[in-house]
Amino acid sequence: MGAGEREAILLAEELEADLILLDDIQARRLAVERGLIVTGLLGVLQQSATLGLIDLTVAIERLRETNFWISSSLLQSLLEQDP
């Protein structure tokens, strides 16, 4: 976890944010321990697909062309839930 994630958590607490976007596992754990509701990039993509704003399969394919890592089991689970 880096300084940016720590600052984001502190800011979310200060603002009493409804949600914080974190992908780093250590940062996610700390945020949950501090009572924050956490989602990650995949959660945002999934919600966007549910609302009909994006095609989840296409978004995941594009994301996999970057250095973003996703486990095969999580990927399959997300795609099975795709509306």
Protein backbone atom coordinates (compact mmCIF):
# COMPACT_ATOMS: atom_id res chain seq x y z
CA MET A 1 0.00 0.00 0.00
CA GLY A 2 1.34 3.35 -0.98
CA ALA A 3 0.97 6.88 0.29
CA GLY A 4 -1.77 7.58 -2.27
CA GLU A 5 -4.00 4.81 -0.93
CA ARG A 6 -3.44 5.96 2.67
CA GLU A 7 -4.34 9.52 1.71
CA ALA A 8 -7.45 8.34 -0.14
CA ILE A 9 -8.61 6.42 2.94
CA LEU A 10 -8.05 9.44 5.21
CA LEU A 11 -9.89 11.69 2.76
CA ALA A 12 -12.80 9.26 2.48
CA GLU A 13 -13.07 9.23 6.27
CA GLU A 14 -12.87 13.01 6.48
CA LEU A 15 -15.55 13.46 3.81
CA GLU A 16 -17.66 10.62 5.21
CA ALA A 17 -17.68 9.19 1.69
CA ASP A 18 -20.31 6.65 0.73
CA LEU A 19 -17.75 4.55 -1.15
CA ILE A 20 -14.02 4.38 -1.82
CA LEU A 21 -12.43 2.95 -4.96
CA LEU A 22 -9.36 0.83 -4.15
CA ASP A 23 -7.75 -2.12 -5.89
CA ASP A 24 -4.71 -2.64 -3.63
CA ILE A 25 -5.56 -5.54 -1.29
CA GLN A 26 -3.80 -4.06 1.76
CA ALA A 27 -5.55 -0.72 1.25
CA ARG A 28 -8.91 -2.48 0.84
CA ARG A 29 -8.41 -4.38 4.10
CA LEU A 30 -7.45 -1.22 5.99
CA ALA A 31 -10.40 0.71 4.58
CA VAL A 32 -12.84 -2.05 5.58
CA GLU A 33 -11.27 -2.22 9.05
CA ARG A 34 -11.91 1.52 9.34
CA GLY A 35 -15.57 1.08 8.41
CA LEU A 36 -15.46 2.25 4.80
CA ILE A 37 -17.38 0.63 1.96
CA VAL A 38 -14.93 -0.42 -0.74
CA THR A 39 -15.18 -1.30 -4.40
CA GLY A 40 -12.57 -1.71 -7.06
CA LEU A 41 -12.31 -1.09 -10.76
CA LEU A 42 -14.03 -4.39 -11.52
CA GLY A 43 -16.93 -3.45 -9.27
CA VAL A 44 -17.33 -0.17 -11.14
CA LEU A 45 -17.26 -1.98 -14.47
CA GLN A 46 -19.78 -4.55 -13.28
CA GLN A 47 -22.17 -1.84 -12.02
CA SER A 48 -21.77 0.07 -15.29
CA ALA A 49 -22.68 -3.07 -17.24
CA THR A 50 -25.69 -3.68 -15.01
CA LEU A 51 -26.88 -0.15 -15.80
CA GLY A 52 -26.38 -0.82 -19.51
CA LEU A 53 -23.62 1.76 -19.85
CA ILE A 54 -20.90 -0.59 -21.12
CA ASP A 55 -20.40 -4.06 -22.53
CA LEU A 56 -18.60 -5.86 -19.68
CA THR A 57 -16.99 -8.47 -21.92
CA VAL A 58 -15.46 -5.79 -24.16
CA ALA A 59 -14.34 -3.73 -21.16
CA ILE A 60 -12.65 -6.75 -19.57
CA GLU A 61 -10.95 -7.66 -22.85
CA ARG A 62 -9.56 -4.13 -23.14
CA LEU A 63 -8.48 -4.12 -19.51
CA ARG A 64 -6.60 -7.40 -20.00
CA GLU A 65 -4.57 -5.70 -22.76
CA THR A 66 -3.00 -3.56 -20.02
CA ASN A 67 -0.96 -4.67 -17.02
CA PHE A 68 -4.13 -5.09 -14.89
CA TRP A 69 -4.18 -8.59 -13.39
CA ILE A 70 -7.35 -10.56 -12.69
CA SER A 71 -7.59 -14.17 -11.56
CA SER A 72 -9.23 -16.62 -13.94
CA SER A 73 -11.84 -17.57 -11.34
CA LEU A 74 -12.81 -13.95 -10.67
CA LEU A 75 -12.95 -13.23 -14.40
CA GLN A 76 -15.23 -16.20 -15.01
CA SER A 77 -17.46 -15.22 -12.08
CA LEU A 78 -17.81 -11.66 -13.39
CA LEU A 79 -18.63 -12.77 -16.91
CA GLU A 80 -21.21 -15.28 -15.64
CA GLN A 81 -22.97 -12.44 -13.83
CA ASP A 82 -22.90 -10.20 -16.91
CA PRO A 83 -26.45 -9.04 -17.67
